[in-house]
């Protein structure tokens, strides 16, 4: 569990620096996963895997580093979520994860 928290913390810090949002409270895996559930799973879940990407099975485990890195890149670049979908709020960016 310590590795999962460290991994999630690393993702959060990267998102924070990229977005310029300051963290209000420490990151946690549960929050990141709930944001993925809210913003990503509709198109990247059990029923639909657009682009061959499935995110509903993420756990926050360090072995998922490549997947989290790809999600982070997509969010930072503005490619995800798609412009027609609800974007991550500043608070979500500050407390995150896709």
N, C-alpha and C. Protein backbone atom coordinates (compact mmCIF):
# COMPACT_ATOMS: atom_id res chain seq x y z
N UNK A 1 0.82 -1.19 0.00
CA UNK A 1 0.00 0.00 0.00
C UNK A 1 0.86 1.26 0.00
N UNK A 2 2.03 1.23 0.68
CA UNK A 2 2.91 2.39 0.70
C UNK A 2 3.36 2.74 -0.71
N UNK A 3 3.67 1.72 -1.52
CA UNK A 3 4.10 1.98 -2.90
C UNK A 3 2.97 2.62 -3.69
N UNK A 4 1.73 2.16 -3.49
CA UNK A 4 0.59 2.73 -4.19
C UNK A 4 0.41 4.20 -3.84
N UNK A 5 0.56 4.53 -2.57
CA UNK A 5 0.41 5.91 -2.13
C UNK A 5 1.53 6.76 -2.71
N UNK A 6 2.76 6.25 -2.69
CA UNK A 6 3.88 7.00 -3.27
C UNK A 6 3.66 7.20 -4.77
N UNK A 7 3.18 6.16 -5.44
CA UNK A 7 2.94 6.25 -6.88
C UNK A 7 1.87 7.30 -7.17
N UNK A 8 0.76 7.25 -6.42
CA UNK A 8 -0.31 8.22 -6.60
C UNK A 8 0.18 9.63 -6.27
N UNK A 9 1.03 9.76 -5.26
CA UNK A 9 1.59 11.07 -4.91
C UNK A 9 2.41 11.62 -6.05
N UNK A 10 3.19 10.77 -6.69
CA UNK A 10 4.00 11.22 -7.84
C UNK A 10 3.14 11.70 -8.97
N UNK A 11 2.07 11.00 -9.26
CA UNK A 11 1.14 11.42 -10.32
C UNK A 11 0.51 12.75 -9.95
N UNK A 12 0.10 12.87 -8.71
CA UNK A 12 -0.53 14.10 -8.25
C UNK A 12 0.42 15.28 -8.37
N UNK A 13 1.65 15.12 -7.93
CA UNK A 13 2.61 16.21 -8.01
C UNK A 13 2.85 16.63 -9.46
N UNK A 14 2.93 15.66 -10.35
CA UNK A 14 3.11 15.99 -11.76
C UNK A 14 1.92 16.77 -12.28
N UNK A 15 0.71 16.32 -11.94
CA UNK A 15 -0.49 17.06 -12.36
C UNK A 15 -0.51 18.46 -11.79
N UNK A 16 -0.12 18.61 -10.54
CA UNK A 16 -0.13 19.91 -9.90
C UNK A 16 0.81 20.88 -10.58
N UNK A 17 2.02 20.44 -10.86
CA UNK A 17 2.97 21.31 -11.51
C UNK A 17 2.52 21.66 -12.92
N UNK A 18 1.93 20.71 -13.60
CA UNK A 18 1.47 20.95 -14.96
C UNK A 18 0.29 21.91 -15.00
N UNK A 19 -0.58 21.84 -13.99
CA UNK A 19 -1.79 22.65 -14.02
C UNK A 19 -1.66 23.95 -13.24
N UNK A 20 -0.63 24.06 -12.40
CA UNK A 20 -0.47 25.25 -11.58
C UNK A 20 -1.42 25.29 -10.40
N UNK A 21 -2.11 24.21 -10.11
CA UNK A 21 -3.06 24.15 -9.00
C UNK A 21 -2.32 23.65 -7.77
N UNK A 22 -2.62 24.26 -6.62
CA UNK A 22 -1.98 23.84 -5.38
C UNK A 22 -2.84 22.80 -4.67
N UNK A 23 -2.19 21.80 -4.11
CA UNK A 23 -2.91 20.75 -3.39
C UNK A 23 -3.41 21.29 -2.06
N UNK A 24 -4.64 20.92 -1.71
CA UNK A 24 -5.22 21.32 -0.45
C UNK A 24 -5.01 20.22 0.57
N UNK A 25 -5.07 18.99 0.14
CA UNK A 25 -4.86 17.86 1.04
C UNK A 25 -4.05 16.80 0.33
N UNK A 26 -3.45 15.88 1.06
CA UNK A 26 -2.61 14.87 0.44
C UNK A 26 -3.39 14.01 -0.55
N UNK A 27 -2.74 13.58 -1.61
CA UNK A 27 -3.41 12.73 -2.60
C UNK A 27 -3.66 11.34 -2.05
N UNK A 28 -4.67 10.71 -2.59
CA UNK A 28 -4.88 9.31 -2.24
C UNK A 28 -5.39 8.56 -3.46
N UNK A 29 -5.13 7.29 -3.45
CA UNK A 29 -5.48 6.44 -4.58
C UNK A 29 -6.98 6.43 -4.80
N UNK A 30 -7.76 6.40 -3.73
CA UNK A 30 -9.22 6.35 -3.86
C UNK A 30 -9.74 7.57 -4.64
N UNK A 31 -9.20 8.74 -4.36
CA UNK A 31 -9.63 9.96 -5.07
C UNK A 31 -9.27 9.87 -6.54
N UNK A 32 -8.04 9.45 -6.83
CA UNK A 32 -7.61 9.32 -8.23
C UNK A 32 -8.50 8.34 -8.98
N UNK A 33 -8.80 7.22 -8.35
CA UNK A 33 -9.64 6.22 -9.01
C UNK A 33 -11.06 6.72 -9.21
N UNK A 34 -11.58 7.51 -8.27
CA UNK A 34 -12.93 8.04 -8.45
C UNK A 34 -12.97 9.04 -9.60
N UNK A 35 -11.89 9.79 -9.81
CA UNK A 35 -11.83 10.72 -10.94
C UNK A 35 -11.77 9.95 -12.25
N UNK A 36 -11.00 8.88 -12.28
CA UNK A 36 -10.95 8.03 -13.48
C UNK A 36 -12.33 7.45 -13.75
N UNK A 37 -13.01 7.01 -12.70
CA UNK A 37 -14.36 6.47 -12.85
C UNK A 37 -15.30 7.53 -13.43
N UNK A 38 -15.22 8.74 -12.92
CA UNK A 38 -16.11 9.82 -13.34
C UNK A 38 -15.83 10.28 -14.77
N UNK A 39 -14.57 10.41 -15.14
CA UNK A 39 -14.22 11.04 -16.40
C UNK A 39 -13.77 10.10 -17.51
N UNK A 40 -13.44 8.85 -17.19
CA UNK A 40 -12.79 8.00 -18.19
C UNK A 40 -13.52 6.71 -18.53
N UNK A 41 -14.16 6.11 -17.54
CA UNK A 41 -14.66 4.75 -17.70
C UNK A 41 -15.81 4.63 -18.70
N UNK A 42 -16.55 5.69 -18.91
CA UNK A 42 -17.65 5.62 -19.88
C UNK A 42 -17.12 5.21 -21.26
N UNK A 43 -15.96 5.70 -21.63
CA UNK A 43 -15.38 5.38 -22.93
C UNK A 43 -14.23 4.37 -22.86
N UNK A 44 -13.73 4.12 -21.63
CA UNK A 44 -12.58 3.23 -21.46
C UNK A 44 -12.84 2.25 -20.32
N UNK A 45 -14.00 1.58 -20.37
CA UNK A 45 -14.39 0.66 -19.31
C UNK A 45 -14.64 -0.74 -19.81
N UNK A 46 -15.45 -1.48 -19.06
CA UNK A 46 -15.71 -2.88 -19.37
C UNK A 46 -16.47 -3.06 -20.69
N UNK A 47 -17.41 -2.16 -20.96
CA UNK A 47 -18.26 -2.31 -22.15
C UNK A 47 -17.64 -1.69 -23.41
N UNK A 48 -16.93 -0.60 -23.24
CA UNK A 48 -16.35 0.13 -24.38
C UNK A 48 -14.89 0.42 -24.05
N UNK A 49 -14.01 0.17 -25.02
CA UNK A 49 -12.59 0.49 -24.85
C UNK A 49 -12.12 1.27 -26.06
N UNK A 50 -12.50 2.54 -26.11
CA UNK A 50 -12.08 3.38 -27.24
C UNK A 50 -10.56 3.45 -27.28
N UNK A 51 -10.03 3.33 -28.48
CA UNK A 51 -8.59 3.34 -28.65
C UNK A 51 -7.91 2.13 -28.04
N UNK A 52 -8.69 1.11 -27.69
CA UNK A 52 -8.12 -0.08 -27.08
C UNK A 52 -7.66 0.13 -25.65
N UNK A 53 -8.15 1.21 -25.02
CA UNK A 53 -7.73 1.54 -23.66
C UNK A 53 -8.84 1.20 -22.67
N UNK A 54 -8.46 0.44 -21.64
CA UNK A 54 -9.41 0.07 -20.58
C UNK A 54 -8.86 0.55 -19.24
N UNK A 55 -9.61 1.41 -18.55
CA UNK A 55 -9.14 2.01 -17.31
C UNK A 55 -9.95 1.61 -16.08
N UNK A 56 -11.01 0.87 -16.27
CA UNK A 56 -11.87 0.52 -15.13
C UNK A 56 -11.23 -0.48 -14.17
N UNK A 57 -10.15 -1.10 -14.58
CA UNK A 57 -9.49 -2.08 -13.71
C UNK A 57 -8.27 -1.52 -12.99
N UNK A 58 -8.02 -0.22 -13.11
CA UNK A 58 -6.88 0.38 -12.42
C UNK A 58 -7.07 0.29 -10.91
N UNK A 59 -5.97 0.06 -10.22
CA UNK A 59 -6.01 -0.07 -8.76
C UNK A 59 -5.10 0.94 -8.06
N UNK A 60 -4.19 1.57 -8.81
CA UNK A 60 -3.21 2.45 -8.20
C UNK A 60 -1.92 1.74 -7.87
N UNK A 61 -1.81 0.50 -8.26
CA UNK A 61 -0.62 -0.30 -8.00
C UNK A 61 0.55 0.24 -8.85
N UNK A 62 1.77 0.25 -8.29
CA UNK A 62 2.92 0.74 -9.05
C UNK A 62 3.16 0.00 -10.36
N UNK A 63 2.68 -1.22 -10.49
CA UNK A 63 2.86 -1.96 -11.74
C UNK A 63 2.08 -1.31 -12.89
N UNK A 64 1.18 -0.39 -12.57
CA UNK A 64 0.38 0.30 -13.59
C UNK A 64 1.01 1.62 -14.02
N UNK A 65 2.27 1.82 -13.69
CA UNK A 65 2.94 3.09 -13.94
C UNK A 65 2.84 3.54 -15.39
N UNK A 66 3.01 2.64 -16.33
CA UNK A 66 2.95 3.02 -17.75
C UNK A 66 1.56 3.51 -18.13
N UNK A 67 0.54 2.84 -17.61
CA UNK A 67 -0.84 3.25 -17.91
C UNK A 67 -1.12 4.61 -17.30
N UNK A 68 -0.75 4.81 -16.01
CA UNK A 68 -0.98 6.10 -15.36
C UNK A 68 -0.22 7.21 -16.07
N UNK A 69 0.98 6.91 -16.52
CA UNK A 69 1.78 7.91 -17.24
C UNK A 69 1.08 8.32 -18.53
N UNK A 70 0.53 7.35 -19.24
CA UNK A 70 -0.19 7.64 -20.49
C UNK A 70 -1.45 8.47 -20.21
N UNK A 71 -2.17 8.11 -19.15
CA UNK A 71 -3.37 8.88 -18.77
C UNK A 71 -2.98 10.31 -18.43
N UNK A 72 -1.93 10.45 -17.65
CA UNK A 72 -1.45 11.77 -17.26
C UNK A 72 -1.09 12.61 -18.48
N UNK A 73 -0.39 12.01 -19.42
CA UNK A 73 -0.03 12.72 -20.65
C UNK A 73 -1.27 13.20 -21.41
N UNK A 74 -2.26 12.33 -21.51
CA UNK A 74 -3.48 12.69 -22.22
C UNK A 74 -4.21 13.84 -21.54
N UNK A 75 -4.24 13.84 -20.21
CA UNK A 75 -4.92 14.90 -19.46
C UNK A 75 -4.13 16.20 -19.58
N UNK A 76 -2.81 16.14 -19.39
CA UNK A 76 -1.97 17.34 -19.45
C UNK A 76 -2.00 17.99 -20.82
N UNK A 77 -2.05 17.18 -21.85
CA UNK A 77 -2.05 17.71 -23.21
C UNK A 77 -3.41 18.26 -23.63
N UNK A 78 -4.44 18.01 -22.82
CA UNK A 78 -5.78 18.47 -23.15
C UNK A 78 -6.52 17.56 -24.11
N UNK A 79 -5.91 16.43 -24.44
CA UNK A 79 -6.55 15.50 -25.36
C UNK A 79 -7.68 14.72 -24.69
N UNK A 80 -7.56 14.53 -23.38
CA UNK A 80 -8.58 13.81 -22.62
C UNK A 80 -8.91 14.59 -21.37
N UNK A 81 -10.11 14.54 -20.93
CA UNK A 81 -11.27 14.03 -21.65
C UNK A 81 -11.52 14.84 -22.93
N UNK A 82 -12.22 14.26 -23.88
CA UNK A 82 -12.51 14.97 -25.13
C UNK A 82 -13.23 16.29 -24.84
N UNK A 83 -13.07 17.24 -25.72
CA UNK A 83 -13.65 18.57 -25.52
C UNK A 83 -15.16 18.54 -25.37
N UNK A 84 -15.83 17.55 -25.92
CA UNK A 84 -17.29 17.45 -25.79
C UNK A 84 -17.72 16.88 -24.45
N UNK A 85 -16.77 16.38 -23.67
CA UNK A 85 -17.06 15.78 -22.37
C UNK A 85 -16.66 16.75 -21.26
N UNK A 86 -17.18 16.48 -20.05
CA UNK A 86 -16.83 17.31 -18.90
C UNK A 86 -15.34 17.19 -18.61
N UNK A 87 -14.68 18.34 -18.47
CA UNK A 87 -13.25 18.37 -18.17
C UNK A 87 -13.03 18.26 -16.66
N UNK A 88 -11.83 17.94 -16.26
CA UNK A 88 -11.49 17.90 -14.84
C UNK A 88 -11.52 19.32 -14.28
N UNK A 89 -12.11 19.46 -13.11
CA UNK A 89 -12.13 20.76 -12.44
C UNK A 89 -10.75 21.04 -11.85
N UNK A 90 -10.52 22.27 -11.47
CA UNK A 90 -9.27 22.62 -10.81
C UNK A 90 -9.07 21.82 -9.55
N UNK A 91 -10.14 21.62 -8.80
CA UNK A 91 -10.06 20.83 -7.58
C UNK A 91 -9.68 19.38 -7.89
N UNK A 92 -10.27 18.83 -8.94
CA UNK A 92 -9.94 17.45 -9.32
C UNK A 92 -8.49 17.37 -9.76
N UNK A 93 -8.02 18.35 -10.52
CA UNK A 93 -6.63 18.35 -10.94
C UNK A 93 -5.72 18.44 -9.73
N UNK A 94 -6.13 19.19 -8.73
CA UNK A 94 -5.33 19.36 -7.54
C UNK A 94 -5.34 18.19 -6.59
N UNK A 95 -6.34 17.35 -6.71
CA UNK A 95 -6.44 16.23 -5.76
C UNK A 95 -6.29 14.88 -6.46
N UNK A 96 -5.94 14.89 -7.73
CA UNK A 96 -5.87 13.64 -8.48
C UNK A 96 -4.69 12.80 -8.04
N UNK A 97 -5.53 10.58 -10.26
CA UNK A 97 -5.34 9.83 -10.89
C UNK A 97 -4.59 8.96 -11.47
N UNK A 98 -6.91 9.45 -14.11
CA UNK A 98 -7.64 8.69 -16.14
C UNK A 98 -6.64 7.76 -15.91
